[in-house]
Amino acid sequence: MRRQLQQLETWTKHWRIKINAQKSQAVTFTKRRPQDPPPLLLFNHPIPYQRTAKYLGITLDNKLTFGQHITDLAMRAKQRTTALAPMLRTPTLKQSTRYHIYKAIIRAMMSYASAAWLHAAQVHLNRLQRVQNHALRLISGHDRSTRIMQIHEDTETPFLEEHLRRLQLQFWTRLRAHPDPEVQNIGTNQARRQMHRTPRIP
């Protein structure tokens, strides 16, 4: 790792690219018991080891369970649903309009980059489904005694995981049609002995 960091320093100097070493983090991704990692330096600044790191809006934990990411995502989606509750339940707007508001503002946020984390454990995905359940109750006007299945049928809404699976299939289909062969091969070379859940082509 130290050699790679030295190569990175040489490369950034050559191309005059500045990296803020003080804001850099290191994460060891492994399913095994973590060991004491070696100290790392980038431009003479120590790089601290963390259990999670955020990249392009996705929280990556050291075991790639995406539990923390989905927990935070569900909390933000719940806050957004609460803020929009007066609009989602108001009878002055058509139900179809309120449903489109949910899809554009809440469900779109919960769907972001789902192809990367949809392999997470069901207990994590259920947190997002509960947000959709609450939003659909507001939109449809059903009380708490109405079954969730009935609400989804009345609003003609797929369960969230079903919607995300559809997006995942579209993602992999576009990937396979990409003109760059390196992009086409993403996700195809996985060890057969891997036992943990990983993103795969549906």
Protein backbone atom coordinates (compact mmCIF):
# COMPACT_ATOMS: atom_id res chain seq x y z
CA MET A 1 0.00 0.00 0.00
CA ARG A 2 2.82 2.39 0.77
CA ARG A 3 4.30 1.81 -2.66
CA GLN A 4 0.96 2.57 -4.30
CA LEU A 5 0.68 5.79 -2.33
CA GLN A 6 4.13 6.83 -3.48
CA GLN A 7 3.09 6.13 -7.05
CA LEU A 8 -0.03 8.19 -6.49
CA GLU A 9 2.05 11.11 -5.24
CA THR A 10 4.29 10.90 -8.31
CA TRP A 11 1.31 10.73 -10.63
CA THR A 12 -0.50 13.71 -9.07
CA LYS A 13 2.67 15.81 -9.15
CA HIS A 14 3.23 14.95 -12.81
CA TRP A 15 -0.31 15.94 -13.79
CA ARG A 16 -0.47 18.84 -11.30
CA ILE A 17 -3.45 17.45 -9.44
CA LYS A 18 -3.89 18.47 -5.82
CA ILE A 19 -5.14 15.98 -3.24
CA ASN A 20 -6.11 17.14 0.22
CA ALA A 21 -4.34 14.51 2.29
CA GLN A 22 -5.83 15.89 5.49
CA LYS A 23 -9.33 14.98 4.25
CA SER A 24 -8.33 11.52 3.03
CA GLN A 25 -9.44 8.35 4.80
CA ALA A 26 -8.54 4.68 4.61
CA VAL A 27 -10.95 1.78 4.95
CA THR A 28 -10.05 -1.92 5.01
CA PHE A 29 -12.81 -3.83 3.25
CA THR A 30 -12.88 -7.40 4.52
CA LYS A 31 -15.24 -10.04 5.88
CA ARG A 32 -12.49 -11.38 8.11
CA ARG A 33 -11.58 -10.26 11.58
CA PRO A 34 -9.85 -6.86 11.21
CA GLN A 35 -6.14 -6.76 11.93
CA ASP A 36 -3.99 -3.82 12.91
CA PRO A 37 -3.34 -2.06 9.58
CA PRO A 38 -0.01 -0.44 8.80
CA PRO A 39 0.23 3.36 9.15
CA LEU A 40 -0.22 5.24 5.89
CA LEU A 41 1.22 8.57 4.81
CA LEU A 42 0.19 10.74 1.88
CA PHE A 43 2.38 13.77 1.25
CA ASN A 44 3.75 13.28 4.79
CA HIS A 45 0.27 13.47 6.30
CA PRO A 46 -1.08 10.43 8.17
CA ILE A 47 -4.25 8.91 6.71
CA PRO A 48 -6.63 7.82 9.46
CA TYR A 49 -8.40 4.48 9.25
CA GLN A 50 -12.20 4.60 9.47
CA ARG A 51 -14.94 1.98 9.59
CA THR A 52 -16.95 3.85 6.95
CA ALA A 53 -16.28 6.27 4.13
CA LYS A 54 -18.63 8.27 1.93
CA TYR A 55 -18.13 8.24 -1.82
CA LEU A 56 -20.49 9.84 -4.34
CA GLY A 57 -23.21 9.96 -1.72
CA ILE A 58 -22.91 6.29 -0.73
CA THR A 59 -21.67 5.25 2.71
CA LEU A 60 -19.29 2.31 2.35
CA ASP A 61 -18.82 0.30 5.54
CA ASN A 62 -15.79 -1.93 6.03
CA LYS A 63 -17.81 -5.11 5.37
CA LEU A 64 -19.85 -3.66 2.50
CA THR A 65 -23.15 -4.54 4.13
CA PHE A 66 -24.48 -1.04 3.31
CA GLY A 67 -26.40 -1.16 6.56
CA GLN A 68 -25.27 2.29 7.67
CA HIS A 69 -25.98 3.75 4.23
CA ILE A 70 -29.54 2.42 4.14
CA THR A 71 -30.18 3.45 7.75
CA ASP A 72 -29.14 7.02 6.98
CA LEU A 73 -31.07 6.96 3.70
CA ALA A 74 -34.25 5.79 5.43
CA MET A 75 -33.89 8.54 8.04
CA ARG A 76 -33.52 11.23 5.36
CA ALA A 77 -36.44 9.82 3.38
CA LYS A 78 -38.59 9.76 6.52
CA GLN A 79 -37.70 13.38 7.26
CA ARG A 80 -38.58 14.35 3.71
CA THR A 81 -41.89 12.49 3.94
CA THR A 82 -42.73 14.28 7.19
CA ALA A 83 -41.92 17.65 5.62
CA LEU A 84 -44.14 16.89 2.62
CA ALA A 85 -46.95 15.30 4.66
CA PRO A 86 -49.30 18.32 4.45
CA MET A 87 -48.97 18.25 0.65
CA LEU A 88 -49.23 14.47 0.33
CA ARG A 89 -52.47 14.29 2.30
CA THR A 90 -54.17 17.47 1.07
CA PRO A 91 -57.45 16.83 -0.82
CA THR A 92 -56.96 19.98 -2.92
CA LEU A 93 -54.44 18.08 -5.05
CA LYS A 94 -55.34 15.11 -7.20
CA GLN A 95 -54.12 11.79 -5.85
CA SER A 96 -52.14 11.25 -9.05
CA THR A 97 -50.36 14.57 -8.48
CA ARG A 98 -49.48 13.67 -4.90
CA TYR A 99 -48.24 10.28 -6.07
CA HIS A 100 -45.97 11.93 -8.64
CA ILE A 101 -44.59 14.18 -5.89
CA TYR A 102 -43.72 11.09 -3.86
CA LYS A 103 -42.02 9.39 -6.81
CA ALA A 104 -40.03 12.47 -7.82
CA ILE A 105 -38.89 13.65 -4.40
CA ILE A 106 -38.90 10.67 -2.02
CA ARG A 107 -38.72 7.45 -4.02
CA ALA A 108 -36.12 8.89 -6.41
CA MET A 109 -33.87 9.63 -3.43
CA MET A 110 -34.32 6.09 -2.06
CA SER A 111 -33.51 4.66 -5.51
CA TYR A 112 -30.20 6.46 -5.98
CA ALA A 113 -27.37 4.02 -6.81
CA SER A 114 -29.54 1.09 -5.66
CA ALA A 115 -27.82 -1.24 -8.13
CA ALA A 116 -24.77 -1.04 -5.85
CA TRP A 117 -26.48 -1.75 -2.53
CA LEU A 118 -29.61 -3.75 -3.40
CA HIS A 119 -27.87 -6.97 -2.28
CA ALA A 120 -28.05 -5.72 1.32
CA ALA A 121 -29.84 -7.80 3.95
CA GLN A 122 -33.61 -7.76 3.91
CA VAL A 123 -33.76 -6.16 7.36
CA HIS A 124 -32.08 -3.07 5.90
CA LEU A 125 -34.31 -2.91 2.82
CA ASN A 126 -37.40 -3.16 5.03
CA ARG A 127 -36.52 0.22 6.53
CA LEU A 128 -37.01 1.85 3.14
CA GLN A 129 -40.23 -0.06 2.50
CA ARG A 130 -41.69 1.32 5.73
CA VAL A 131 -41.07 4.84 4.45
CA GLN A 132 -43.01 4.04 1.27
CA ASN A 133 -45.81 2.48 3.33
CA HIS A 134 -46.19 5.67 5.34
CA ALA A 135 -46.13 7.89 2.25
CA LEU A 136 -48.76 5.81 0.45
CA ARG A 137 -51.06 5.93 3.49
CA LEU A 138 -50.84 9.71 3.39
CA ILE A 139 -51.50 9.83 -0.35
CA SER A 140 -54.36 7.32 -0.42
CA GLY A 141 -56.02 8.41 2.82
CA HIS A 142 -56.19 4.85 4.16
CA ASP A 143 -56.11 4.43 7.92
CA ARG A 144 -53.72 2.18 9.84
CA SER A 145 -56.17 -0.74 9.76
CA THR A 146 -55.81 -1.09 5.97
CA ARG A 147 -53.35 -3.75 4.91
CA ILE A 148 -50.18 -2.65 3.13
CA MET A 149 -50.88 -4.98 0.21
CA GLN A 150 -54.28 -3.38 -0.30
CA ILE A 151 -52.79 0.12 -0.29
CA HIS A 152 -50.24 -0.84 -2.94
CA GLU A 153 -52.96 -2.39 -5.08
CA ASP A 154 -55.25 0.64 -4.76
CA THR A 155 -52.46 3.05 -5.71
CA GLU A 156 -51.07 0.67 -8.37
CA THR A 157 -47.64 0.98 -6.75
CA PRO A 158 -45.03 -1.81 -6.81
CA PHE A 159 -43.31 -2.63 -3.56
CA LEU A 160 -40.08 -0.71 -3.31
CA GLU A 161 -37.77 -3.70 -3.72
CA GLU A 162 -39.65 -4.71 -6.87
CA HIS A 163 -39.14 -1.20 -8.25
CA LEU A 164 -35.44 -1.29 -7.36
CA ARG A 165 -35.01 -4.72 -8.99
CA ARG A 166 -36.47 -3.27 -12.18
CA LEU A 167 -34.00 -0.38 -12.05
CA GLN A 168 -31.17 -2.84 -11.42
CA LEU A 169 -32.14 -4.86 -14.49
CA GLN A 170 -32.21 -1.69 -16.60
CA PHE A 171 -28.78 -0.74 -15.27
CA TRP A 172 -27.18 -4.09 -16.13
CA THR A 173 -28.86 -4.07 -19.54
CA ARG A 174 -27.38 -0.67 -20.36
CA LEU A 175 -24.02 -1.84 -19.03
CA ARG A 176 -23.96 -4.84 -21.35
CA ALA A 177 -24.78 -2.59 -24.32
CA HIS A 178 -21.96 -0.13 -23.55
CA PRO A 179 -19.40 0.25 -26.38
CA ASP A 180 -16.43 -0.08 -23.99
CA PRO A 181 -15.65 -3.77 -23.32
CA GLU A 182 -14.15 -2.92 -19.91
CA VAL A 183 -17.48 -1.44 -18.87
CA GLN A 184 -19.34 -4.44 -20.24
CA ASN A 185 -17.28 -6.79 -18.04
CA ILE A 186 -18.05 -5.01 -14.77
CA GLY A 187 -19.48 -7.50 -12.29
CA THR A 188 -18.77 -10.60 -14.36
CA ASN A 189 -15.54 -11.73 -12.68
CA GLN A 190 -16.57 -12.86 -9.21
CA ALA A 191 -14.97 -15.63 -7.22
CA ARG A 192 -17.08 -18.78 -7.11
CA ARG A 193 -16.21 -19.32 -3.46
CA GLN A 194 -17.72 -16.04 -2.34
CA MET A 195 -20.43 -16.79 0.19
CA HIS A 196 -21.56 -13.27 1.04
CA ARG A 197 -24.14 -11.37 -0.98
CA THR A 198 -22.77 -9.25 -3.81
CA PRO A 199 -24.37 -7.24 -6.62
CA ARG A 200 -25.01 -9.57 -9.53
CA ILE A 201 -26.72 -9.43 -12.87
CA PRO A 202 -30.37 -10.39 -12.35
